[in-house]
Every structure is written in C-alpha cells, then in structure tokens.
C-alpha cells in the first residue's frame, strides 16, 4: 500500500526561495512562473479539485508546491514541466519530503504533449498566465480520459472561460470550453500567495467533462466559426462569418438553416448553436 506524505511536507516561502536559489532560478514572465508559497492555498486548491486519489496530471509544477499537496491525498501525479532544471529537481524534492509518493515527471512543452505515461482522470494545475487557455483546450482535446479538473488562472481569463452566452466576458474561450463540459468558478486567489507577486489576482476554475456534442471534424469546423465570430464580435453573424462561409448571402443562408438569426452576434450563441451552423 502506498503511504502518503504528512501534512507538514508542503513548501513554505523559505523553502521555495531556497530551492530557487539552489537551482539558480529567477522566475520569468516569459514562462509565466509565479510560485505558490502558501501551504493553506495549496490545500484549498486540492480540496476544491476534489482529489482524493487516482491519477492526476499537473501542468507546470514549478518547484512542487501543488505537487506535494496532490501527493498528500495519495494520488499518483504526472507532472509536465518545460524547464529542465525544475523537472530534474522535482523528484528530488518529493523524494526527500514524500519518499513513498508516486510521481512521474515529463520534461516537455505542455502544448506538444499528446501522450502521457499513465491515464490521468483529473487535471489540476496553476497554469502559466500567458498560455492558460491554449494549454487547457489542448489537454481536453488530447486526453479524453480527463473527466474533472481545477485550474488556477488569471482572474479575468478564468471568468471568461466559465462565462455563459450574453455575458459581457463571454467569448471564444467560453464557447470552446463549453464543447468539453460544464464550467464553474471556485473562488479567487490573492496575488500575495505567489512569489514573485504578479500584477493580477487569480481565480480557480473547475470543470466536469460531458460527452462531446459532435465529431472531431465537427469540432474543428465549429471552433473555426467561433474564432470568426469573436474576431469581429461587434458585427452581425452574417458579416462575421462571411469569410468562413463564402460571402454574406451564403452565411445568412447557413445561419437561417441552423434556425438562427443572421443579425445575431456571436456573444448570443451557445457552442451548440455554432455546431448547428457548422452542420447546416
């Protein structure tokens, strides 16, 4: 039976800074590196994610704050880290603080990963601000076994991901995320729990996967329509989709065939509405 680390095995501010100094790491904006230094925040994330075991994939584990919190539950963690220094150090840190824990580190750019050494059913991560939405959509596309998850992202981005049609912040990420499942916000996170302190607050966004509403070919076609609609979000659909569907007349015909008004705007449509246009 696998034993789990004790509750005292999480990293605090001093340990995080010592590890960074040991590795000669100065957190960079380019890689979106902001390390969580508060153990209570880590436990809050793990609790909100509902992790009680199983196999979890974590993207961008950094120095291991959240990794240790996930391992504390008895879960097996597959950590995907692009920084080779961090990837090499993580097993050492975990080996010292939680020697019986089950950790696999994949040294790679998360956007290039299409296979993992295991079958994670949950995704839990503090995602880099600059690529949070692309990474999230990439993992949902390529790892259908992921059923649930919780990610920490920039507050503005997270609110957009979880937004519904008609909301001021509803946009392309909202519609695309809805293809994969149901989304919710699960509370904001103060910028003060990070080192270095970012310029924005963060938010937790959770999801439950549901069966995809269409085929892979239909998803690609639907996402193309979503992109076109929100690139010119102030325009009516017949104008915004004219390039993708041929011209304004052709677009109007397709939109009407889907049972929608050509004068509507993208922010009014659900992902199923976009799918209906793709199918028409």
Foldseek 3Di string as FASTA:
>chain_A
DFDFFDLVLAAAPVRLVVLCVVLVHDDDLVQLDWAFHDLVVLLVLLVVQVQQEEEEEEEACAQPRNVNNNQRSVYAYEYEHQDPSSLVCNVVSCCVRTVRTHYHYHHDDLLPDLDGPDQGQEYEYAHRAVCVLVSVLSCVVRRVSNFKYKYKYFALVQCQCQDAFPDPSDALNVQLSVQFFHKDWDAKAAQVSIVPRDPTTITMMMTGGDDGPDDPVLSVQLSVLRVQLRVCQVAFSLCSCQVVQPHSVSRQVLLVQLVHGSRHGSSRDHSVSSSSSSVD
